[in-house]
Amino acid sequence: MMKVSDYKTKKELTAFVKVWLHYCPVGFVLHGEALQFAMDLLATHPAREEKVGCGIRSIFIESIQKNGGSKHFAIRRTDGTRIDFSYHACITQTKSSQKVRFVKACRNAVISQINDYKNPQIVDGMILTSGGVLLPESQVHVDHIYPFSRIVKDYIEMYKPDIESTVFGYVGLTQSVVFADTLESDRFYDFHQRTAKLQILSIEDNALKSDKV
């Protein structure tokens, strides 16, 4: 089976998925390459986090009569709930979502650095913010003084990765986005380590900052 990224146009990809769903039996649970294909589609859905929820147990084929019997993908979450998702919504978002996935993969590549900065400062569940206020760990956020979005932009300008061709992987129950190429992940990790300056802010103060990509 071809990968989502192998299709040159959205029209070609849409046509393939439509035919594929037509021949898949209702209730069919995806495995192997078919599951990975569906996961790659889901990664571009504009409401991906809502669809994934607490985590994915399986993806299967479903049909609803009120839609004329047309088939679609459905998710069975780890808590037993189900929700469907539209492949049309996924495909229309493909190009813009590639940049979003790249930024998320960058964030996930440096989680250990964030934790290494934060964890040593926690004492009995409390942590001192950069403003000198002692708060519970759950009420603070590790903030980038130089916005993370700008770090990513600087990285892109310096190394010029081919974002549209970047391949991603998905790990954990919530299917966090990561770089499939560990060289890309390691390179951004090193770049972030050299350039990032961090501080502890309350969640409220962090919300006042704008860090849009």
Protein backbone atom coordinates (compact mmCIF):
# COMPACT_ATOMS: atom_id res chain seq x y z
CA MET A 1 0.00 0.00 0.00
CA MET A 2 1.26 3.49 -0.89
CA LYS A 3 1.81 6.06 1.84
CA VAL A 4 -0.36 9.17 2.13
CA SER A 5 2.67 11.27 1.22
CA ASP A 6 3.18 9.28 -2.01
CA TYR A 7 0.10 10.77 -3.68
CA LYS A 8 0.93 13.82 -5.76
CA THR A 9 -2.50 15.47 -5.58
CA LYS A 10 -5.39 15.58 -3.14
CA LYS A 11 -7.65 14.40 -5.96
CA GLU A 12 -5.61 11.20 -6.41
CA LEU A 13 -5.56 10.57 -2.67
CA THR A 14 -9.30 11.16 -2.33
CA ALA A 15 -10.06 8.80 -5.21
CA PHE A 16 -7.92 6.04 -3.69
CA VAL A 17 -9.48 6.29 -0.22
CA LYS A 18 -12.99 6.30 -1.70
CA VAL A 19 -12.34 3.08 -3.63
CA TRP A 20 -10.51 1.49 -0.72
CA LEU A 21 -13.40 2.11 1.66
CA HIS A 22 -15.84 0.76 -0.92
CA TYR A 23 -14.12 -2.64 -0.94
CA CYS A 24 -13.47 -2.84 2.81
CA PRO A 25 -16.20 -4.75 4.72
CA VAL A 26 -18.07 -2.93 7.48
CA GLY A 27 -16.51 -3.72 10.84
CA PHE A 28 -13.09 -4.45 9.34
CA VAL A 29 -10.36 -3.56 11.86
CA LEU A 30 -7.27 -2.06 10.26
CA HIS A 31 -3.84 -3.58 10.83
CA GLY A 32 -0.31 -3.15 9.49
CA GLU A 33 0.10 -0.83 6.51
CA ALA A 34 -3.63 -0.12 6.35
CA LEU A 35 -3.63 1.05 9.96
CA GLN A 36 -0.56 3.23 9.38
CA PHE A 37 -2.23 4.76 6.32
CA ALA A 38 -5.32 5.65 8.36
CA MET A 39 -3.15 7.03 11.17
CA ASP A 40 -1.31 9.24 8.69
CA LEU A 41 -4.66 10.55 7.43
CA LEU A 42 -5.89 11.16 10.97
CA ALA A 43 -2.73 13.11 11.77
CA THR A 44 -3.89 15.83 9.36
CA HIS A 45 -7.44 16.09 10.70
CA PRO A 46 -8.16 19.62 11.99
CA ALA A 47 -9.72 18.14 15.17
CA ARG A 48 -7.17 15.35 15.61
CA GLU A 49 -6.71 15.79 19.38
CA GLU A 50 -10.47 15.66 19.95
CA LYS A 51 -10.78 12.54 17.80
CA VAL A 52 -7.90 10.72 19.52
CA GLY A 53 -9.09 11.68 23.01
CA CYS A 54 -7.61 9.43 25.69
CA GLY A 55 -5.93 7.20 23.10
CA ILE A 56 -6.62 4.85 20.20
CA ARG A 57 -7.38 1.19 20.70
CA SER A 58 -8.27 0.51 17.07
CA ILE A 59 -9.48 2.02 13.80
CA PHE A 60 -12.19 0.24 11.86
CA ILE A 61 -14.58 0.68 8.94
CA GLU A 62 -18.11 1.80 9.68
CA SER A 63 -21.24 2.61 7.69
CA ILE A 64 -24.20 4.78 8.68
CA GLN A 65 -27.43 4.38 6.75
CA LYS A 66 -28.43 8.02 7.11
CA ASN A 67 -25.37 8.85 4.99
CA GLY A 68 -26.64 6.62 2.21
CA GLY A 69 -24.66 3.65 3.46
CA SER A 70 -21.33 5.32 2.64
CA LYS A 71 -18.39 3.98 4.62
CA HIS A 72 -15.99 5.91 6.77
CA PHE A 73 -13.27 5.44 9.36
CA ALA A 74 -14.13 5.12 13.04
CA ILE A 75 -11.95 5.10 16.15
CA ARG A 76 -12.38 2.91 19.19
CA ARG A 77 -10.71 4.73 22.05
CA THR A 78 -8.97 3.08 24.97
CA ASP A 79 -11.90 3.95 27.25
CA GLY A 80 -14.30 2.08 24.95
CA THR A 81 -15.90 5.14 23.34
CA ARG A 82 -16.08 5.47 19.56
CA ILE A 83 -15.99 8.40 17.17
CA ASP A 84 -15.79 8.62 13.40
CA PHE A 85 -13.59 10.91 11.33
CA SER A 86 -13.90 12.25 7.82
CA TYR A 87 -11.11 11.45 5.38
CA HIS A 88 -12.24 14.48 3.35
CA ALA A 89 -11.43 16.74 6.33
CA CYS A 90 -8.04 15.06 6.61
CA ILE A 91 -7.13 15.44 2.94
CA THR A 92 -8.17 19.09 2.66
CA GLN A 93 -5.83 19.88 5.56
CA THR A 94 -2.84 17.86 4.32
CA LYS A 95 -0.42 20.63 3.30
CA SER A 96 -1.12 23.10 6.11
CA SER A 97 -1.04 20.31 8.68
CA GLN A 98 2.41 19.18 7.54
CA LYS A 99 3.87 22.37 9.05
CA VAL A 100 1.79 21.88 12.21
CA ARG A 101 3.08 18.31 12.57
CA PHE A 102 6.65 19.51 12.05
CA VAL A 103 6.33 22.00 14.91
CA LYS A 104 4.72 19.38 17.18
CA ALA A 105 7.51 16.93 16.39
CA CYS A 106 10.03 19.63 17.30
CA ARG A 107 8.29 20.14 20.65
CA ASN A 108 8.23 16.43 21.37
CA ALA A 109 11.91 16.13 20.44
CA VAL A 110 12.87 18.37 23.38
CA ILE A 111 10.47 17.17 26.09
CA SER A 112 13.39 15.69 28.02
CA GLN A 113 15.15 19.08 28.04
CA ILE A 114 12.01 20.74 29.40
CA ASN A 115 11.70 18.12 32.13
CA ASP A 116 15.40 18.34 32.98
CA TYR A 117 14.96 22.08 33.54
CA LYS A 118 11.75 21.82 35.55
CA ASN A 119 12.06 18.69 37.69
CA PRO A 120 15.14 19.65 39.79
CA GLN A 121 13.28 22.79 40.89
CA ILE A 122 10.29 20.92 42.33
CA VAL A 123 10.32 20.51 46.11
CA ASP A 124 7.41 18.71 47.80
CA GLY A 125 5.23 19.33 44.76
CA MET A 126 5.91 23.10 44.77
CA ILE A 127 8.01 25.19 42.42
CA LEU A 128 9.17 28.82 42.42
CA THR A 129 8.20 30.82 39.33
CA SER A 130 10.59 33.23 37.65
CA GLY A 131 8.53 35.99 39.26
CA GLY A 132 9.26 34.65 42.74
CA VAL A 133 5.86 33.10 43.45
CA LEU A 134 5.71 29.61 44.98
CA LEU A 135 3.05 27.50 43.25
CA PRO A 136 2.01 23.85 42.95
CA GLU A 137 3.69 22.08 40.06
CA SER A 138 0.32 21.65 38.32
CA GLN A 139 -0.11 25.43 38.13
CA VAL A 140 3.09 26.30 36.28
CA HIS A 141 4.42 26.07 32.76
CA VAL A 142 7.95 25.97 31.38
CA ASP A 143 8.10 28.96 29.03
CA HIS A 144 10.56 29.81 26.26
CA ILE A 145 11.81 33.36 26.82
CA TYR A 146 12.69 33.50 23.13
CA PRO A 147 9.45 32.04 21.71
CA PHE A 148 9.54 28.44 20.64
CA SER A 149 7.95 29.34 17.30
CA ARG A 150 10.93 31.58 16.52
CA ILE A 151 13.36 28.85 17.50
CA VAL A 152 11.65 26.54 15.00
CA LYS A 153 11.72 29.26 12.33
CA ASP A 154 15.43 29.89 12.96
CA TYR A 155 16.05 26.15 12.70
CA ILE A 156 14.20 25.95 9.39
CA GLU A 157 16.11 28.94 8.02
CA MET A 158 19.45 27.44 9.05
CA TYR A 159 19.00 23.80 8.02
CA LYS A 160 16.25 24.15 5.38
CA PRO A 161 14.49 20.82 6.00
CA ASP A 162 12.01 19.70 3.34
CA ILE A 163 8.92 20.02 5.52
CA GLU A 164 6.46 18.77 2.91
CA SER A 165 8.44 15.53 2.53
CA THR A 166 9.17 15.01 6.22
CA VAL A 167 7.94 11.65 7.50
CA PHE A 168 6.46 11.44 10.99
CA GLY A 169 5.77 8.68 13.45
CA TYR A 170 3.20 8.47 16.22
CA VAL A 171 3.90 7.12 19.69
CA GLY A 172 1.94 6.39 22.85
CA LEU A 173 -1.78 6.11 23.47
CA THR A 174 -2.31 9.71 22.41
CA GLN A 175 -0.23 9.18 19.27
CA SER A 176 2.20 12.04 19.86
CA VAL A 177 3.87 13.24 16.67
CA VAL A 178 7.60 12.50 16.37
CA PHE A 179 10.17 12.62 13.58
CA ALA A 180 10.53 9.26 11.88
CA ASP A 181 14.11 10.26 11.08
CA THR A 182 16.07 10.30 14.34
CA LEU A 183 18.73 12.45 12.67
CA GLU A 184 16.18 15.26 12.29
CA SER A 185 15.07 14.80 15.88
CA ASP A 186 18.65 14.80 17.19
CA ARG A 187 19.58 17.85 15.11
CA PHE A 188 16.68 19.90 16.46
CA TYR A 189 17.42 18.64 19.99
CA ASP A 190 20.98 20.00 19.71
CA PHE A 191 19.80 23.27 18.14
CA HIS A 192 17.23 23.81 20.88
CA GLN A 193 19.78 23.04 23.58
CA ARG A 194 22.07 25.73 22.17
CA THR A 195 19.44 28.41 21.63
CA ALA A 196 16.57 27.99 24.10
CA LYS A 197 16.34 30.01 27.31
CA LEU A 198 13.67 28.78 29.69
CA GLN A 199 11.74 30.17 32.65
CA ILE A 200 8.99 29.01 35.00
CA LEU A 201 5.71 30.92 34.68
CA SER A 202 2.29 30.45 36.18
CA ILE A 203 -0.23 29.05 33.72
CA GLU A 204 -2.07 32.39 33.79
CA ASP A 205 1.05 34.43 32.99
CA ASN A 206 2.04 32.00 30.24
CA ALA A 207 -1.42 32.36 28.65
CA LEU A 208 -0.80 36.09 28.28
CA LYS A 209 2.18 35.45 26.04
CA SER A 210 1.67 34.95 22.35
CA ASP A 211 3.67 32.15 20.73
CA LYS A 212 1.98 31.57 17.39
CA VAL A 213 3.56 29.68 14.53
